Structures are given as C-alpha cells and as structure tokens.
PDB file of N, CA and C in Angstrom:
ATOM      1  N   UNK A   1      15.161  -7.946  -7.665  1.00  0.00           N
ATOM      2  CA  UNK A   1      14.863  -6.781  -6.617  1.00  0.00           C
ATOM      3  C   UNK A   1      14.135  -5.507  -6.810  1.00  0.00           C
ATOM      4  N   UNK A   2      13.741  -4.885  -6.270  1.00  0.00           N
ATOM      5  CA  UNK A   2      12.593  -3.549  -7.226  1.00  0.00           C
ATOM      6  C   UNK A   2      13.744  -2.730  -6.354  1.00  0.00           C
ATOM      7  N   UNK A   3      13.258  -1.635  -7.076  1.00  0.00           N
ATOM      8  CA  UNK A   3      13.261  -0.190  -7.323  1.00  0.00           C
ATOM      9  C   UNK A   3      13.659   0.249  -5.628  1.00  0.00           C
ATOM     10  N   UNK A   4      12.629  -0.012  -5.092  1.00  0.00           N
ATOM     11  CA  UNK A   4      12.348   0.331  -3.873  1.00  0.00           C
ATOM     12  C   UNK A   4      13.070  -0.362  -3.010  1.00  0.00           C
ATOM     13  N   UNK A   5      13.899  -1.576  -3.314  1.00  0.00           N
ATOM     14  CA  UNK A   5      14.684  -2.696  -2.647  1.00  0.00           C
ATOM     15  C   UNK A   5      16.160  -1.743  -2.514  1.00  0.00           C
ATOM     16  N   UNK A   6      16.682  -1.157  -4.082  1.00  0.00           N
ATOM     17  CA  UNK A   6      17.995  -0.955  -4.381  1.00  0.00           C
ATOM     18  C   UNK A   6      18.761   0.225  -3.907  1.00  0.00           C
ATOM     19  N   UNK A   7      17.681   0.926  -4.031  1.00  0.00           N
ATOM     20  CA  UNK A   7      18.170   2.193  -3.457  1.00  0.00           C
ATOM     21  C   UNK A   7      17.643   3.005  -2.184  1.00  0.00           C
ATOM     22  N   UNK A   8      18.586   3.193  -1.151  1.00  0.00           N
ATOM     23  CA  UNK A   8      18.076   2.818  -0.105  1.00  0.00           C
ATOM     24  C   UNK A   8      17.566   4.734   0.544  1.00  0.00           C
ATOM     25  N   UNK A   9      18.534   5.854  -0.625  1.00  0.00           N
ATOM     26  CA  UNK A   9      17.694   7.265  -0.097  1.00  0.00           C
ATOM     27  C   UNK A   9      16.362   7.403  -0.039  1.00  0.00           C
ATOM     28  N   UNK A  10      15.960   8.901   0.271  1.00  0.00           N
ATOM     29  CA  UNK A  10      14.194   8.705  -0.017  1.00  0.00           C
ATOM     30  C   UNK A  10      14.259   9.014  -1.588  1.00  0.00           C
ATOM     31  N   UNK A  11      13.134   8.874  -1.831  1.00  0.00           N
ATOM     32  CA  UNK A  11      12.686   9.655  -3.039  1.00  0.00           C
ATOM     33  C   UNK A  11      11.551  10.645  -3.204  1.00  0.00           C
ATOM     34  N   UNK A  12      12.227  11.758  -3.552  1.00  0.00           N
ATOM     35  CA  UNK A  12      11.339  12.964  -3.739  1.00  0.00           C
ATOM     36  C   UNK A  12      10.694  13.354  -5.334  1.00  0.00           C
ATOM     37  N   UNK A  13       9.239  13.393  -5.109  1.00  0.00           N
ATOM     38  CA  UNK A  13       8.905  13.852  -6.114  1.00  0.00           C
ATOM     39  C   UNK A  13       9.249  15.243  -6.783  1.00  0.00           C
ATOM     40  N   UNK A  14       8.940  15.711  -8.013  1.00  0.00           N
ATOM     41  CA  UNK A  14       8.995  16.654  -8.802  1.00  0.00           C
ATOM     42  C   UNK A  14       8.181  17.446  -8.419  1.00  0.00           C
ATOM     43  N   UNK A  15       8.595  18.480  -8.655  1.00  0.00           N
ATOM     44  CA  UNK A  15       8.059  19.997  -7.971  1.00  0.00           C
ATOM     45  C   UNK A  15       7.129  20.520  -8.923  1.00  0.00           C
ATOM     46  N   UNK A  16       6.591  19.879  -9.796  1.00  0.00           N
ATOM     47  CA  UNK A  16       5.880  19.971 -10.972  1.00  0.00           C
ATOM     48  C   UNK A  16       4.495  18.840 -11.268  1.00  0.00           C
ATOM     49  N   UNK A  17       5.039  18.065 -10.434  1.00  0.00           N
ATOM     50  CA  UNK A  17       3.928  16.835  -9.818  1.00  0.00           C
ATOM     51  C   UNK A  17       2.439  17.201  -9.889  1.00  0.00           C
ATOM     52  N   UNK A  18       2.154  18.263  -8.645  1.00  0.00           N
ATOM     53  CA  UNK A  18       1.083  18.774  -8.183  1.00  0.00           C
ATOM     54  C   UNK A  18       0.624  17.976  -7.292  1.00  0.00           C
ATOM     55  N   UNK A  19      -0.817  17.807  -7.336  1.00  0.00           N
ATOM     56  CA  UNK A  19      -1.734  17.117  -6.399  1.00  0.00           C
ATOM     57  C   UNK A  19      -2.530  16.283  -6.902  1.00  0.00           C
ATOM     58  N   UNK A  20      -2.523  16.371  -8.004  1.00  0.00           N
ATOM     59  CA  UNK A  20      -3.882  15.428  -8.771  1.00  0.00           C
ATOM     60  C   UNK A  20      -3.524  14.379  -9.616  1.00  0.00           C
ATOM     61  N   UNK A  21      -1.890  13.631  -9.035  1.00  0.00           N
ATOM     62  CA  UNK A  21      -1.681  12.762  -9.371  1.00  0.00           C
ATOM     63  C   UNK A  21      -0.794  13.131 -11.218  1.00  0.00           C
ATOM     64  N   UNK A  22      -1.340  12.887 -12.163  1.00  0.00           N
ATOM     65  CA  UNK A  22      -1.274  12.731 -13.777  1.00  0.00           C
ATOM     66  C   UNK A  22       0.567  11.897 -13.611  1.00  0.00           C
ATOM     67  N   UNK A  23       1.264  13.179 -14.677  1.00  0.00           N
ATOM     68  CA  UNK A  23       2.457  12.500 -14.593  1.00  0.00           C
ATOM     69  C   UNK A  23       3.461  12.672 -14.004  1.00  0.00           C
ATOM     70  N   UNK A  24       3.987  12.268 -13.035  1.00  0.00           N
ATOM     71  CA  UNK A  24       4.835  12.081 -12.223  1.00  0.00           C
ATOM     72  C   UNK A  24       6.088  11.111 -11.793  1.00  0.00           C
ATOM     73  N   UNK A  25       6.822  12.151 -11.771  1.00  0.00           N
ATOM     74  CA  UNK A  25       8.595  11.548 -11.717  1.00  0.00           C
ATOM     75  C   UNK A  25       9.417  11.972 -10.238  1.00  0.00           C
ATOM     76  N   UNK A  26       9.904  10.930  -9.398  1.00  0.00           N
ATOM     77  CA  UNK A  26      10.687  10.621  -8.308  1.00  0.00           C
ATOM     78  C   UNK A  26      11.767  10.599  -8.573  1.00  0.00           C
ATOM     79  N   UNK A  27      12.957  10.764  -8.027  1.00  0.00           N
ATOM     80  CA  UNK A  27      14.262  11.205  -8.222  1.00  0.00           C
ATOM     81  C   UNK A  27      14.726  10.416  -6.820  1.00  0.00           C
ATOM     82  N   UNK A  28      16.198  10.338  -6.744  1.00  0.00           N
ATOM     83  CA  UNK A  28      16.758   9.554  -5.239  1.00  0.00           C
ATOM     84  C   UNK A  28      18.260   9.710  -5.790  1.00  0.00           C
ATOM     85  N   UNK A  29      19.015  10.862  -4.640  1.00  0.00           N
ATOM     86  CA  UNK A  29      20.412  10.760  -5.220  1.00  0.00           C
ATOM     87  C   UNK A  29      21.110   9.877  -4.705  1.00  0.00           C
ATOM     88  N   UNK A  30      21.711   9.934  -5.215  1.00  0.00           N
ATOM     89  CA  UNK A  30      22.976   8.775  -4.179  1.00  0.00           C
ATOM     90  C   UNK A  30      24.107   9.245  -4.828  1.00  0.00           C
ATOM     91  N   UNK A  31      25.323   8.914  -3.920  1.00  0.00           N
ATOM     92  CA  UNK A  31      26.934   9.533  -3.734  1.00  0.00           C
ATOM     93  C   UNK A  31      26.964   9.277  -5.689  1.00  0.00           C
ATOM     94  N   UNK A  32      26.750   8.775  -5.819  1.00  0.00           N
ATOM     95  CA  UNK A  32      27.879   8.651  -7.400  1.00  0.00           C
ATOM     96  C   UNK A  32      26.233   8.232  -8.884  1.00  0.00           C
ATOM     97  N   UNK A  33      25.438   8.989  -8.097  1.00  0.00           N
ATOM     98  CA  UNK A  33      23.991   8.345  -8.796  1.00  0.00           C
ATOM     99  C   UNK A  33      22.675   9.257  -8.847  1.00  0.00           C
ATOM    100  N   UNK A  34      21.810   9.148 -10.232  1.00  0.00           N
ATOM    101  CA  UNK A  34      20.716   9.855 -10.049  1.00  0.00           C
ATOM    102  C   UNK A  34      19.680   8.750 -10.164  1.00  0.00           C
ATOM    103  N   UNK A  35      18.787   8.437  -9.250  1.00  0.00           N
ATOM    104  CA  UNK A  35      17.893   7.209  -9.835  1.00  0.00           C
ATOM    105  C   UNK A  35      16.584   8.182 -10.244  1.00  0.00           C
ATOM    106  N   UNK A  36      15.958   7.712 -10.869  1.00  0.00           N
ATOM    107  CA  UNK A  36      14.267   7.978 -11.316  1.00  0.00           C
ATOM    108  C   UNK A  36      13.120   6.676 -11.912  1.00  0.00           C
ATOM    109  N   UNK A  37      12.393   7.512 -11.430  1.00  0.00           N
ATOM    110  CA  UNK A  37      11.235   6.211 -11.865  1.00  0.00           C
ATOM    111  C   UNK A  37       9.706   6.947 -11.803  1.00  0.00           C
ATOM    112  N   UNK A  38       8.643   6.351 -12.099  1.00  0.00           N
ATOM    113  CA  UNK A  38       7.500   6.610 -12.353  1.00  0.00           C
ATOM    114  C   UNK A  38       6.887   6.864 -10.639  1.00  0.00           C
ATOM    115  N   UNK A  39       6.335   8.052 -10.205  1.00  0.00           N
ATOM    116  CA  UNK A  39       5.981   7.709  -9.489  1.00  0.00           C
ATOM    117  C   UNK A  39       4.426   6.682  -9.159  1.00  0.00           C
ATOM    118  N   UNK A  40       4.095   6.818 -10.095  1.00  0.00           N
ATOM    119  CA  UNK A  40       3.092   5.845 -10.355  1.00  0.00           C
ATOM    120  C   UNK A  40       2.835   4.472 -10.417  1.00  0.00           C
ATOM    121  N   UNK A  41       3.627   3.767 -10.824  1.00  0.00           N
ATOM    122  CA  UNK A  41       4.371   3.023 -10.805  1.00  0.00           C
ATOM    123  C   UNK A  41       5.707   2.670 -10.701  1.00  0.00           C
ATOM    124  N   UNK A  42       5.884   2.221  -9.058  1.00  0.00           N
ATOM    125  CA  UNK A  42       7.839   2.388  -8.529  1.00  0.00           C
ATOM    126  C   UNK A  42       8.486   1.514  -8.388  1.00  0.00           C
ATOM    127  N   UNK A  43       7.823   0.547  -8.591  1.00  0.00           N
ATOM    128  CA  UNK A  43       8.458  -1.015  -9.038  1.00  0.00           C
ATOM    129  C   UNK A  43       8.911  -1.467 -10.509  1.00  0.00           C
ATOM    130  N   UNK A  44       8.668  -1.003 -10.758  1.00  0.00           N
ATOM    131  CA  UNK A  44       8.016  -1.630 -12.431  1.00  0.00           C
ATOM    132  C   UNK A  44      10.100  -1.278 -12.343  1.00  0.00           C
ATOM    133  N   UNK A  45      10.162  -0.218 -13.097  1.00  0.00           N
ATOM    134  CA  UNK A  45      11.684  -0.191 -13.117  1.00  0.00           C
ATOM    135  C   UNK A  45      11.605   1.569 -12.965  1.00  0.00           C
ATOM    136  N   UNK A  46      13.557   1.037 -12.062  1.00  0.00           N
ATOM    137  CA  UNK A  46      14.382   3.000 -12.091  1.00  0.00           C
ATOM    138  C   UNK A  46      15.066   2.932 -13.278  1.00  0.00           C
ATOM    139  N   UNK A  47      15.247   4.580 -14.219  1.00  0.00           N
ATOM    140  CA  UNK A  47      16.505   4.784 -14.407  1.00  0.00           C
ATOM    141  C   UNK A  47      17.456   4.971 -13.219  1.00  0.00           C
ATOM    142  N   UNK A  48      19.077   5.002 -13.747  1.00  0.00           N
ATOM    143  CA  UNK A  48      20.281   5.179 -13.040  1.00  0.00           C
ATOM    144  C   UNK A  48      20.639   6.079 -13.756  1.00  0.00           C
ATOM    145  N   UNK A  49      20.989   7.733 -13.322  1.00  0.00           N
ATOM    146  CA  UNK A  49      21.900   7.995 -14.401  1.00  0.00           C
ATOM    147  C   UNK A  49      23.651   8.036 -13.813  1.00  0.00           C
ATOM    148  N   UNK A  50      24.657   8.364 -14.098  1.00  0.00           N
ATOM    149  CA  UNK A  50      25.969   8.737 -13.104  1.00  0.00           C
ATOM    150  C   UNK A  50      25.997   9.840 -12.744  1.00  0.00           C
ATOM    151  N   UNK A  51      26.283  10.605 -12.059  1.00  0.00           N
ATOM    152  CA  UNK A  51      26.254  11.798 -11.046  1.00  0.00           C
ATOM    153  C   UNK A  51      26.186  12.945 -12.472  1.00  0.00           C
ATOM    154  N   UNK A  52      27.676  12.843 -13.041  1.00  0.00           N
ATOM    155  CA  UNK A  52      27.740  13.995 -13.811  1.00  0.00           C
ATOM    156  C   UNK A  52      26.734  13.528 -15.077  1.00  0.00           C
ATOM    157  N   UNK A  53      26.519  12.854 -15.104  1.00  0.00           N
ATOM    158  CA  UNK A  53      25.452  12.681 -16.683  1.00  0.00           C
ATOM    159  C   UNK A  53      24.124  13.510 -16.397  1.00  0.00           C
ATOM    160  N   UNK A  54      23.711  13.830 -15.135  1.00  0.00           N
ATOM    161  CA  UNK A  54      22.486  13.670 -14.227  1.00  0.00           C
ATOM    162  C   UNK A  54      22.694  15.438 -14.510  1.00  0.00           C
ATOM    163  N   UNK A  55      24.314  16.151 -14.378  1.00  0.00           N
ATOM    164  CA  UNK A  55      24.018  17.295 -13.888  1.00  0.00           C
ATOM    165  C   UNK A  55      24.163  18.066 -15.288  1.00  0.00           C
ATOM    166  N   UNK A  56      24.874  17.197 -16.414  1.00  0.00           N
ATOM    167  CA  UNK A  56      24.763  18.043 -17.482  1.00  0.00           C
ATOM    168  C   UNK A  56      23.222  17.783 -18.331  1.00  0.00           C
ATOM    169  N   UNK A  57      22.428  16.870 -17.678  1.00  0.00           N
ATOM    170  CA  UNK A  57      21.266  16.828 -18.459  1.00  0.00           C
ATOM    171  C   UNK A  57      20.499  17.982 -17.506  1.00  0.00           C
ATOM    172  N   UNK A  58      20.594  18.027 -16.516  1.00  0.00           N
ATOM    173  CA  UNK A  58      19.793  19.509 -15.839  1.00  0.00           C
ATOM    174  C   UNK A  58      20.661  20.717 -15.999  1.00  0.00           C
ATOM    175  N   UNK A  59      21.748  21.068 -15.933  1.00  0.00           N
ATOM    176  CA  UNK A  59      22.161  22.591 -16.741  1.00  0.00           C
ATOM    177  C   UNK A  59      21.639  22.684 -17.933  1.00  0.00           C
ATOM    178  N   UNK A  60      21.472  21.321 -18.571  1.00  0.00           N
ATOM    179  CA  UNK A  60      21.122  21.621 -20.273  1.00  0.00           C
ATOM    180  C   UNK A  60      19.581  22.729 -20.635  1.00  0.00           C
ATOM    181  N   UNK A  61      18.721  21.183 -19.492  1.00  0.00           N
ATOM    182  CA  UNK A  61      17.764  21.847 -19.476  1.00  0.00           C
ATOM    183  C   UNK A  61      17.318  23.308 -18.490  1.00  0.00           C
ATOM    184  N   UNK A  62      17.620  23.566 -17.692  1.00  0.00           N
ATOM    185  CA  UNK A  62      17.726  25.097 -17.135  1.00  0.00           C
ATOM    186  C   UNK A  62      18.257  26.119 -18.449  1.00  0.00           C
ATOM    187  N   UNK A  63      19.487  25.898 -19.042  1.00  0.00           N
ATOM    188  CA  UNK A  63      20.054  26.564 -19.703  1.00  0.00           C
ATOM    189  C   UNK A  63      19.162  26.907 -21.138  1.00  0.00           C
ATOM    190  N   UNK A  64      18.946  25.988 -22.001  1.00  0.00           N
ATOM    191  CA  UNK A  64      17.903  25.524 -22.973  1.00  0.00           C
ATOM    192  C   UNK A  64      16.562  25.502 -22.935  1.00  0.00           C
ATOM    193  N   UNK A  65      16.045  25.469 -22.181  1.00  0.00           N
ATOM    194  CA  UNK A  65      14.848  24.850 -21.942  1.00  0.00           C
ATOM    195  C   UNK A  65      14.693  23.543 -22.518  1.00  0.00           C
TER     196      UNK A  65
END
C-alpha cells in the first residue's frame, strides 16, 4: 500500500520549499502521529512519528536551531 493510500489526511508542503521544487518535505497530521514524506517521491516511503515525539523534535528545533 502506498503512502497516499495509508494516510487519509491532507499533505502539507513545508513553507521552506519555495516554488522551484528542490528539497521538499510534506507532512500529514493524524490524531496520534505525524507522517513525513518527500514531495518529489510521494509513493516511495513515509516516516511516521508518534505525536509526542514529533512535538519534542519540532520544539527542540525551534529553541536550539
């Protein structure tokens, strides 16, 4: 089953992606997890993080760069 079939919530592209393509990341939020994929190869693989782990990661990046 592809990532698109597994994740039923909308995928949102990173605000850092820009309009020229390049290195793009998309995320899809679910009730208990965050899904992450490469927008150029959406059917290839999806990383899934528990919601608490995703929150800890993004908070760490915000505070410590």
